Each structure stands twice: as C-alpha cells, then as structure tokens.
Protein backbone atom coordinates (compact mmCIF):
# COMPACT_ATOMS: atom_id res chain seq x y z
CA TRP A 1 67.13 -10.57 84.35
CA HIS A 2 66.91 -12.57 81.14
CA ASN A 3 63.22 -11.67 80.86
CA ASN A 4 64.14 -7.99 81.19
CA ARG A 5 66.78 -8.24 78.45
CA VAL A 6 64.58 -10.23 76.06
CA ASN A 7 61.65 -7.85 76.49
CA ALA A 8 63.80 -4.72 76.16
CA SER A 9 65.36 -6.19 73.00
CA ARG A 10 61.95 -7.07 71.56
CA LEU A 11 60.70 -3.56 72.21
CA ALA A 12 63.74 -1.88 70.67
CA LEU A 13 64.10 -4.22 67.68
CA PHE A 14 60.48 -5.11 66.87
CA GLY A 15 58.30 -2.63 68.74
CA SER A 16 56.81 -5.55 70.72
CA THR A 17 55.09 -4.33 73.88
CA ASN A 18 53.60 -7.60 75.15
CA PRO A 19 56.16 -8.97 77.63
CA TRP A 20 57.24 -12.59 77.58
CA ASP A 21 57.98 -14.74 80.60
CA LEU A 22 60.72 -17.12 79.51
CA SER A 23 59.74 -19.64 82.18
CA GLU A 24 56.45 -20.07 80.30
CA ILE A 25 58.07 -20.31 76.86
CA ILE A 26 61.20 -22.40 77.33
CA ARG A 27 60.66 -26.05 78.09
CA ILE A 28 63.66 -27.68 79.69
CA PRO A 29 64.18 -31.24 78.48
CA GLU A 30 65.40 -34.01 80.74
CA LEU A 31 69.12 -33.31 81.08
CA ASP A 32 71.94 -35.12 82.86
CA PRO A 33 72.04 -33.42 86.29
CA ALA A 34 75.75 -34.23 86.64
CA ILE A 35 76.51 -31.76 83.82
CA ALA A 36 76.21 -27.97 83.86
CA TRP A 37 74.05 -26.82 80.95
CA ARG A 38 73.62 -23.53 79.16
CA CYS A 39 70.58 -22.51 77.20
CA ARG A 40 70.51 -20.45 74.02
CA PHE A 41 67.08 -19.06 73.21
CA LEU A 42 66.67 -17.89 69.63
CA TYR A 43 63.78 -15.58 68.87
CA ALA A 44 62.55 -12.82 66.60
CA LYS A 45 59.13 -11.20 66.86
CA GLU A 46 57.82 -14.55 68.01
CA PRO A 47 59.35 -17.15 70.33
CA GLY A 48 61.82 -19.40 68.60
CA THR A 49 63.79 -22.36 69.79
CA ALA A 50 65.73 -23.12 72.93
CA GLU A 51 68.93 -25.10 72.55
CA PHE A 52 70.79 -26.72 75.42
CA PHE A 53 74.54 -27.33 75.43
CA PRO A 54 76.92 -28.72 78.03
CA TYR A 55 78.65 -25.76 79.65
CA VAL A 56 82.43 -25.81 79.54
CA LYS A 57 83.99 -23.24 81.83
CA ARG A 58 86.86 -21.33 80.23
CA ILE A 59 89.90 -20.53 82.34
CA VAL A 60 91.15 -17.17 81.03
CA ARG A 61 94.60 -16.17 82.24
CA LYS A 62 95.41 -13.32 79.82
CA LEU A 63 93.44 -10.64 78.03
CA TYR A 64 94.62 -8.87 74.90
CA LEU A 65 93.46 -5.30 74.32
CA VAL A 66 91.80 -5.02 70.92
CA ASP A 67 90.23 -1.89 69.46
CA CYS A 68 86.76 -2.87 68.27
CA GLY A 69 86.27 0.27 66.18
CA ASP A 70 82.61 1.11 65.69
CA LEU A 71 81.29 -2.32 66.70
CA GLU A 72 77.77 -2.10 68.16
CA TYR A 73 76.45 -4.99 70.23
CA ALA A 74 73.66 -3.59 72.41
CA PHE A 75 71.58 -6.72 71.79
CA LYS A 76 72.69 -10.32 72.09
CA TYR A 77 72.80 -11.98 68.68
CA ALA A 78 73.46 -15.55 67.57
CA ASP A 79 75.91 -14.19 64.97
CA ARG A 80 79.27 -13.86 66.75
CA SER A 81 81.40 -13.45 63.61
CA ALA A 82 82.51 -9.91 64.53
CA PHE A 83 84.05 -11.26 67.75
CA ASP A 84 85.58 -14.22 65.95
CA LYS A 85 87.35 -11.87 63.53
CA LEU A 86 88.72 -9.75 66.37
CA LYS A 87 90.08 -12.87 68.10
CA ILE A 88 92.10 -14.06 65.11
CA GLY A 89 95.75 -14.34 66.04
CA ILE A 90 95.53 -14.06 69.83
CA PRO A 91 98.03 -16.37 71.51
CA ASP A 92 96.72 -19.39 73.43
CA PRO A 93 93.01 -18.89 72.60
CA GLU A 94 92.10 -21.67 75.04
CA HIS A 95 93.34 -19.62 78.03
CA SER A 96 93.15 -16.06 76.73
CA ASP A 97 90.58 -13.74 75.26
CA ILE A 98 90.25 -10.23 73.89
CA LEU A 99 89.39 -7.22 76.03
CA LEU A 100 87.54 -4.86 73.74
CA VAL A 101 88.38 -1.18 73.66
CA LYS A 102 86.11 1.43 72.10
CA ASN A 103 87.07 5.11 72.01
CA ASP A 104 89.91 4.35 74.46
CA ARG A 105 87.39 2.88 76.94
CA ILE A 106 87.38 -0.68 78.25
CA THR A 107 84.11 -2.46 77.35
CA ASP A 108 83.83 -6.29 77.49
CA THR A 109 85.54 -9.50 76.47
CA SER A 110 84.26 -11.62 73.61
CA PHE A 111 82.00 -13.63 75.94
CA SER A 112 81.65 -11.72 79.20
CA ASN A 113 81.53 -8.45 81.04
CA ILE A 114 84.60 -7.49 83.00
CA ILE A 115 84.92 -6.26 86.57
CA LEU A 116 88.07 -4.71 88.04
CA TRP A 117 89.19 -4.62 91.68
CA ASP A 118 91.01 -1.52 92.94
CA GLY A 119 91.70 -2.89 96.41
CA ASN A 120 88.43 -1.57 97.84
CA ALA A 121 85.62 -2.30 95.40
CA TRP A 122 84.71 -3.96 92.11
CA TYR A 123 84.05 -1.72 89.10
CA THR A 124 82.63 -2.40 85.67
CA PRO A 125 82.78 -0.16 82.61
CA GLU A 126 80.03 2.44 82.37
CA VAL A 127 79.53 1.74 78.68
CA PRO A 128 79.86 -1.94 77.82
CA LEU A 129 79.03 -3.32 74.40
CA LEU A 130 76.40 -5.56 76.04
CA LYS A 131 74.73 -5.01 79.39
CA GLY A 132 74.92 -8.61 80.55
CA THR A 133 72.31 -10.08 82.86
CA LYS A 134 74.82 -10.91 85.62
CA ARG A 135 76.29 -7.41 85.36
CA GLU A 136 72.84 -5.88 85.75
CA PHE A 137 72.09 -8.16 88.72
CA TYR A 138 75.33 -7.18 90.53
CA LEU A 139 74.79 -3.49 89.80
CA SER A 140 71.25 -3.65 91.23
CA ARG A 141 72.66 -5.19 94.42
CA LYS A 142 75.52 -2.63 94.58
CA ILE A 143 78.05 -5.47 94.54
CA ILE A 144 79.81 -3.83 91.60
CA HIS A 145 79.86 -0.17 90.59
CA LEU A 146 80.00 1.76 87.33
CA ARG A 147 83.09 3.67 86.32
CA ASP A 148 84.54 5.21 83.18
CA ILE A 149 87.54 2.91 82.69
CA ARG A 150 90.06 3.89 80.08
CA VAL A 151 93.07 1.91 78.92
CA ASN A 152 95.46 4.23 80.77
CA ASN A 153 93.47 3.64 84.01
CA LEU A 154 94.23 -0.11 84.07
CA PRO A 155 97.28 0.32 86.40
CA ASP A 156 94.85 1.76 89.00
CA TYR A 157 93.45 -1.76 89.45
CA LYS A 158 94.95 -4.89 90.98
CA THR A 159 92.98 -7.64 89.30
CA ALA A 160 90.12 -8.37 86.94
CA ARG A 161 87.42 -11.04 86.74
CA LEU A 162 84.97 -12.06 84.07
CA ILE A 163 81.24 -12.39 84.72
CA ASN A 164 78.34 -13.61 82.62
CA ALA A 165 75.18 -15.65 83.12
CA MET A 166 77.30 -18.74 83.78
CA LEU A 167 80.14 -17.03 85.72
CA ASP A 168 79.42 -15.58 89.13
CA ILE A 169 81.81 -13.13 90.73
CA GLY A 170 83.18 -15.89 92.98
CA ASP A 171 83.54 -18.45 90.17
CA GLY A 172 86.04 -16.57 88.11
CA GLU A 173 89.78 -16.68 88.34
CA ASP A 174 91.65 -13.49 89.15
CA ILE A 175 93.38 -12.07 86.10
CA PRO A 176 96.28 -9.89 87.29
CA ILE A 177 96.29 -6.46 85.64
CA GLY A 178 99.78 -7.29 84.34
CA ASN A 179 98.15 -10.05 82.26
CA ILE A 180 96.12 -7.52 80.30
CA LEU A 181 98.34 -6.89 77.32
C-alpha cells in the first residue's frame, strides 16, 4: 500500500512512470526489537532517506472540529506546519486532536484517517484530505465503507476510531461521538 501511494505521488508530482519497490530501496538498520518503530521515507524524483523513530502511540479521547478552509493534502509531505497551525489552542493536546472539516464534510485528523461506527458498520469519509494506506487497505477488504459524512450527520454514529499505518482498527480507542466537539 505504501508502494502504491509513493508511485502514485511520484507520477502526479514528477511525471515518474518507473515504479519503485520500497523494500528494495529502504534499508532497515538494526533496531531494538523491544520498541515499535516508524519509518519516514523522504523522496523527490529520486529516492531520498529513510529515518526511523521510536513509535509512541497517542491516546486520543477528544476531537475538536476545525474548519480547514481550502487546505489541500492529497500527498503526504514532511512539512506539517498547516496542521500545527490548526492545532494551536486545542485543550489537552496530549489526549486530543483536531477533526478537520472541509465544506461541511468530515475529512481526517491531523495524523490519521477517521472511521465511524453506526451500530452496524464502520464508515470513513468519501473525501479525506489524504487517502491513508491503512484506509485504502480496509476499503479494499470491505472492512470499512465510504460515506459522505457531514458535521450534522455525526449524531448518526455511536463512536469513532482513528486509523493510520501504525494504528489498526482494533488498536484504537473508541472515541464517543459526544467527545467530538
């Protein structure tokens, strides 16, 4: 899924048509197996560097609705300053995050895609800012489903969870809909 995203980004941004296989490009150093690690791969037209960081799982208990205006984030960038600005002033940033709203539609949080449970199935916004790799994986397996989710639809759901490359659907904590403010 990461290969798909990298190659789609390279095609759209640089016109590069020769696909990369990240398993042939990224060399994983000897890392402490007792620690969960995340990898950040920086690239442009050509392969760049891979950086490895200890992964610290965030426990998010509240989400704050924030209009992101005309923010575009179809490709994953190292520059996260737009998200940092939108997060200024949210209470308890260690245990809360922003839930981005664009044109009255729910999109993503600052670091993950969101899924919402209606009592029968999990749904994710049809138009996220970033089509995350875990989101694409779950959609392909029909574990989650697409839906146009607007702010006024939030009461139709019971709970939410956050997913990303490091957060599986079963890893996340339930965020009650009442904790989306």
